[in-house]
Amino acid sequence: MPQIKPFLTIAQSSDALYVSFVGVHADELTARYAAELDFFCQQLAGKRWARIVDLRQWTVTAAPAQEQMVQLLKLDIARGLSLEYVLPPPEVIGNWQVAKTLAQLPAPEIFHRITDPKLALEGLAAAGFSTAFGAPRRFEINVLL
């Protein structure tokens, strides 16, 4: 069975992101996501924001990638991340890795593991964040952007 070529999709509302990672971790996609996130945060100019991260089709990665994610999440908190719902991978190891990553963060009340994307959307809306996401943009590895 052929492996899925890794890609990332990002849908944006006025104050929230819906991010989906698919396939195995790729540094190129992480770098692209970091650039897109930086631009989003600049647009918000320090205002609070939220995110849904869908990892249901993501494959567990190496420890260095996890350490990088912890650092990026800490930066996100400093840039105004106020609420995040994480849809973890279905596999046991991936689920454990998400739990371990979230446990290393200084603001655990911001992060919620959840299995239903509808509940994540409802949670954002209940907290006052916009769920009027535009069309998702897709980013692939080895593609000129």
C-alpha atoms as a PDB file:
ATOM      1  CA  MET A   1       0.000   0.000   0.000  1.00  0.00           C
ATOM      2  CA  PRO A   2       1.551   3.340  -1.040  1.00  0.00           C
ATOM      3  CA  GLN A   3       2.178   5.919   1.638  1.00  0.00           C
ATOM      4  CA  ILE A   4       0.405   9.257   1.467  1.00  0.00           C
ATOM      5  CA  LYS A   5       2.670  12.126   0.491  1.00  0.00           C
ATOM      6  CA  PRO A   6       2.709  14.424   3.547  1.00  0.00           C
ATOM      7  CA  PHE A   7       0.698  17.622   3.329  1.00  0.00           C
ATOM      8  CA  LEU A   8      -0.785  20.308   5.507  1.00  0.00           C
ATOM      9  CA  THR A   9      -4.070  22.203   5.208  1.00  0.00           C
ATOM     10  CA  ILE A  10      -4.867  25.488   6.924  1.00  0.00           C
ATOM     11  CA  ALA A  11      -8.286  27.124   7.095  1.00  0.00           C
ATOM     12  CA  GLN A  12      -8.550  30.535   8.726  1.00  0.00           C
ATOM     13  CA  SER A  13     -11.308  32.594  10.328  1.00  0.00           C
ATOM     14  CA  SER A  14     -10.903  36.079  11.758  1.00  0.00           C
ATOM     15  CA  ASP A  15      -9.374  34.768  14.997  1.00  0.00           C
ATOM     16  CA  ALA A  16      -8.883  31.016  14.642  1.00  0.00           C
ATOM     17  CA  LEU A  17      -7.119  28.377  12.567  1.00  0.00           C
ATOM     18  CA  TYR A  18      -8.134  24.858  11.592  1.00  0.00           C
ATOM     19  CA  VAL A  19      -4.949  22.946  10.809  1.00  0.00           C
ATOM     20  CA  SER A  20      -4.649  19.372   9.533  1.00  0.00           C
ATOM     21  CA  PHE A  21      -1.410  17.446   9.204  1.00  0.00           C
ATOM     22  CA  VAL A  22      -1.465  14.330   7.033  1.00  0.00           C
ATOM     23  CA  GLY A  23       1.269  11.717   6.624  1.00  0.00           C
ATOM     24  CA  VAL A  24       4.647  11.506   8.327  1.00  0.00           C
ATOM     25  CA  HIS A  25       6.301  14.583   9.853  1.00  0.00           C
ATOM     26  CA  ALA A  26       8.200  16.661   7.294  1.00  0.00           C
ATOM     27  CA  ASP A  27      10.441  19.547   8.362  1.00  0.00           C
ATOM     28  CA  GLU A  28       9.516  21.424   5.189  1.00  0.00           C
ATOM     29  CA  LEU A  29       5.841  21.425   6.162  1.00  0.00           C
ATOM     30  CA  THR A  30       6.634  22.452   9.723  1.00  0.00           C
ATOM     31  CA  ALA A  31       8.650  25.398   8.399  1.00  0.00           C
ATOM     32  CA  ARG A  32       5.839  26.388   6.036  1.00  0.00           C
ATOM     33  CA  TYR A  33       3.293  26.143   8.843  1.00  0.00           C
ATOM     34  CA  ALA A  34       5.497  28.274  11.109  1.00  0.00           C
ATOM     35  CA  ALA A  35       5.677  30.971   8.406  1.00  0.00           C
ATOM     36  CA  GLU A  36       1.899  30.914   7.852  1.00  0.00           C
ATOM     37  CA  LEU A  37       1.291  31.032  11.600  1.00  0.00           C
ATOM     38  CA  ASP A  38       3.693  33.950  12.008  1.00  0.00           C
ATOM     39  CA  PHE A  39       1.788  35.908   9.349  1.00  0.00           C
ATOM     40  CA  PHE A  40      -1.547  35.071  11.013  1.00  0.00           C
ATOM     41  CA  CYS A  41      -0.261  36.254  14.404  1.00  0.00           C
ATOM     42  CA  GLN A  42       1.056  39.494  12.879  1.00  0.00           C
ATOM     43  CA  GLN A  43      -2.412  40.175  11.467  1.00  0.00           C
ATOM     44  CA  LEU A  44      -3.936  39.739  14.923  1.00  0.00           C
ATOM     45  CA  ALA A  45      -1.415  42.120  16.497  1.00  0.00           C
ATOM     46  CA  GLY A  46      -1.412  40.451  19.913  1.00  0.00           C
ATOM     47  CA  LYS A  47      -5.129  39.678  20.142  1.00  0.00           C
ATOM     48  CA  ARG A  48      -6.199  36.296  21.481  1.00  0.00           C
ATOM     49  CA  TRP A  49      -6.747  33.465  19.015  1.00  0.00           C
ATOM     50  CA  ALA A  50      -7.645  29.783  18.924  1.00  0.00           C
ATOM     51  CA  ARG A  51      -6.836  26.714  16.889  1.00  0.00           C
ATOM     52  CA  ILE A  52      -8.009  23.232  16.063  1.00  0.00           C
ATOM     53  CA  VAL A  53      -5.201  20.833  15.153  1.00  0.00           C
ATOM     54  CA  ASP A  54      -6.306  17.664  13.404  1.00  0.00           C
ATOM     55  CA  LEU A  55      -3.691  14.920  13.678  1.00  0.00           C
ATOM     56  CA  ARG A  56      -5.997  11.990  12.911  1.00  0.00           C
ATOM     57  CA  GLN A  57      -4.053  11.158   9.729  1.00  0.00           C
ATOM     58  CA  TRP A  58      -0.639  12.034  11.133  1.00  0.00           C
ATOM     59  CA  THR A  59       2.055   9.436  11.784  1.00  0.00           C
ATOM     60  CA  VAL A  60       4.166   9.557  14.925  1.00  0.00           C
ATOM     61  CA  THR A  61       7.531  11.251  14.485  1.00  0.00           C
ATOM     62  CA  ALA A  62      10.960  11.264  16.045  1.00  0.00           C
ATOM     63  CA  ALA A  63      11.768  12.903  19.391  1.00  0.00           C
ATOM     64  CA  PRO A  64      13.492  15.963  17.831  1.00  0.00           C
ATOM     65  CA  ALA A  65      10.242  16.803  16.011  1.00  0.00           C
ATOM     66  CA  GLN A  66       8.369  16.576  19.311  1.00  0.00           C
ATOM     67  CA  GLU A  67      10.836  18.934  20.997  1.00  0.00           C
ATOM     68  CA  GLN A  68      10.355  21.370  18.112  1.00  0.00           C
ATOM     69  CA  MET A  69       6.567  21.187  18.553  1.00  0.00           C
ATOM     70  CA  VAL A  70       6.864  21.969  22.281  1.00  0.00           C
ATOM     71  CA  GLN A  71       8.948  25.062  21.472  1.00  0.00           C
ATOM     72  CA  LEU A  72       6.491  26.197  18.787  1.00  0.00           C
ATOM     73  CA  LEU A  73       3.530  25.730  21.133  1.00  0.00           C
ATOM     74  CA  LYS A  74       5.259  27.779  23.837  1.00  0.00           C
ATOM     75  CA  LEU A  75       5.796  30.528  21.264  1.00  0.00           C
ATOM     76  CA  ASP A  76       2.124  30.296  20.269  1.00  0.00           C
ATOM     77  CA  ILE A  77       1.063  30.867  23.879  1.00  0.00           C
ATOM     78  CA  ALA A  78       3.291  33.948  24.021  1.00  0.00           C
ATOM     79  CA  ARG A  79       1.658  35.191  20.782  1.00  0.00           C
ATOM     80  CA  GLY A  80      -1.878  34.977  22.141  1.00  0.00           C
ATOM     81  CA  LEU A  81      -3.025  31.359  21.712  1.00  0.00           C
ATOM     82  CA  SER A  82      -5.924  31.123  24.148  1.00  0.00           C
ATOM     83  CA  LEU A  83      -7.632  27.860  23.226  1.00  0.00           C
ATOM     84  CA  GLU A  84      -6.632  24.778  21.262  1.00  0.00           C
ATOM     85  CA  TYR A  85      -8.420  21.545  20.489  1.00  0.00           C
ATOM     86  CA  VAL A  86      -6.222  18.657  19.374  1.00  0.00           C
ATOM     87  CA  LEU A  87      -7.655  15.692  17.485  1.00  0.00           C
ATOM     88  CA  PRO A  88      -4.931  13.109  18.227  1.00  0.00           C
ATOM     89  CA  PRO A  89      -3.791  10.289  15.965  1.00  0.00           C
ATOM     90  CA  PRO A  90      -5.741   7.062  16.466  1.00  0.00           C
ATOM     91  CA  GLU A  91      -2.646   4.956  17.068  1.00  0.00           C
ATOM     92  CA  VAL A  92      -1.542   4.400  20.668  1.00  0.00           C
ATOM     93  CA  ILE A  93       1.985   5.761  20.179  1.00  0.00           C
ATOM     94  CA  GLY A  94       0.777   8.905  18.404  1.00  0.00           C
ATOM     95  CA  ASN A  95      -1.838   9.497  21.071  1.00  0.00           C
ATOM     96  CA  TRP A  96       0.788   9.067  23.780  1.00  0.00           C
ATOM     97  CA  GLN A  97       3.112  11.479  21.984  1.00  0.00           C
ATOM     98  CA  VAL A  98       0.410  14.174  21.846  1.00  0.00           C
ATOM     99  CA  ALA A  99      -0.280  13.693  25.566  1.00  0.00           C
ATOM    100  CA  LYS A 100       3.439  13.923  26.359  1.00  0.00           C
ATOM    101  CA  THR A 101       3.816  17.095  24.272  1.00  0.00           C
ATOM    102  CA  LEU A 102       0.838  18.817  25.883  1.00  0.00           C
ATOM    103  CA  ALA A 103       2.041  17.836  29.361  1.00  0.00           C
ATOM    104  CA  GLN A 104       5.258  19.803  28.762  1.00  0.00           C
ATOM    105  CA  LEU A 105       3.426  23.099  28.216  1.00  0.00           C
ATOM    106  CA  PRO A 106       3.057  25.818  30.867  1.00  0.00           C
ATOM    107  CA  ALA A 107      -0.677  26.470  30.290  1.00  0.00           C
ATOM    108  CA  PRO A 108      -2.488  23.110  30.261  1.00  0.00           C
ATOM    109  CA  GLU A 109      -5.934  24.752  30.536  1.00  0.00           C
ATOM    110  CA  ILE A 110      -5.535  26.051  26.963  1.00  0.00           C
ATOM    111  CA  PHE A 111      -5.173  22.590  25.404  1.00  0.00           C
ATOM    112  CA  HIS A 112      -7.917  20.004  25.037  1.00  0.00           C
ATOM    113  CA  ARG A 113      -7.643  16.550  23.487  1.00  0.00           C
ATOM    114  CA  ILE A 114     -10.864  15.690  21.720  1.00  0.00           C
ATOM    115  CA  THR A 115     -11.933  13.078  19.164  1.00  0.00           C
ATOM    116  CA  ASP A 116     -14.857  14.815  17.461  1.00  0.00           C
ATOM    117  CA  PRO A 117     -14.171  17.831  15.202  1.00  0.00           C
ATOM    118  CA  LYS A 118     -17.766  19.002  15.640  1.00  0.00           C
ATOM    119  CA  LEU A 119     -17.209  19.312  19.402  1.00  0.00           C
ATOM    120  CA  ALA A 120     -14.008  21.263  18.760  1.00  0.00           C
ATOM    121  CA  LEU A 121     -15.904  23.719  16.549  1.00  0.00           C
ATOM    122  CA  GLU A 122     -18.617  24.054  19.191  1.00  0.00           C
ATOM    123  CA  GLY A 123     -15.944  24.684  21.837  1.00  0.00           C
ATOM    124  CA  LEU A 124     -14.380  27.482  19.800  1.00  0.00           C
ATOM    125  CA  ALA A 125     -17.768  29.086  19.181  1.00  0.00           C
ATOM    126  CA  ALA A 126     -18.740  28.817  22.867  1.00  0.00           C
ATOM    127  CA  ALA A 127     -15.504  30.596  23.798  1.00  0.00           C
ATOM    128  CA  GLY A 128     -16.316  33.441  21.400  1.00  0.00           C
ATOM    129  CA  PHE A 129     -14.033  32.543  18.521  1.00  0.00           C
ATOM    130  CA  SER A 130     -15.130  32.661  14.905  1.00  0.00           C
ATOM    131  CA  THR A 131     -15.673  29.324  13.192  1.00  0.00           C
ATOM    132  CA  ALA A 132     -16.387  30.908   9.798  1.00  0.00           C
ATOM    133  CA  PHE A 133     -13.306  29.298   8.278  1.00  0.00           C
ATOM    134  CA  GLY A 134     -12.441  30.136   4.707  1.00  0.00           C
ATOM    135  CA  ALA A 135     -11.457  27.541   2.142  1.00  0.00           C
ATOM    136  CA  PRO A 136      -8.533  25.437   3.344  1.00  0.00           C
ATOM    137  CA  ARG A 137      -5.166  26.079   1.735  1.00  0.00           C
ATOM    138  CA  ARG A 138      -3.080  22.996   1.026  1.00  0.00           C
ATOM    139  CA  PHE A 139       0.696  22.837   1.325  1.00  0.00           C
ATOM    140  CA  GLU A 140       2.732  19.881   0.088  1.00  0.00           C
ATOM    141  CA  ILE A 141       6.398  19.025   0.394  1.00  0.00           C
ATOM    142  CA  ASN A 142       8.728  19.697  -2.529  1.00  0.00           C
ATOM    143  CA  VAL A 143       6.272  22.074  -4.173  1.00  0.00           C
ATOM    144  CA  LEU A 144       7.240  25.592  -5.148  1.00  0.00           C
ATOM    145  CA  LEU A 145       5.114  27.985  -3.115  1.00  0.00           C
END
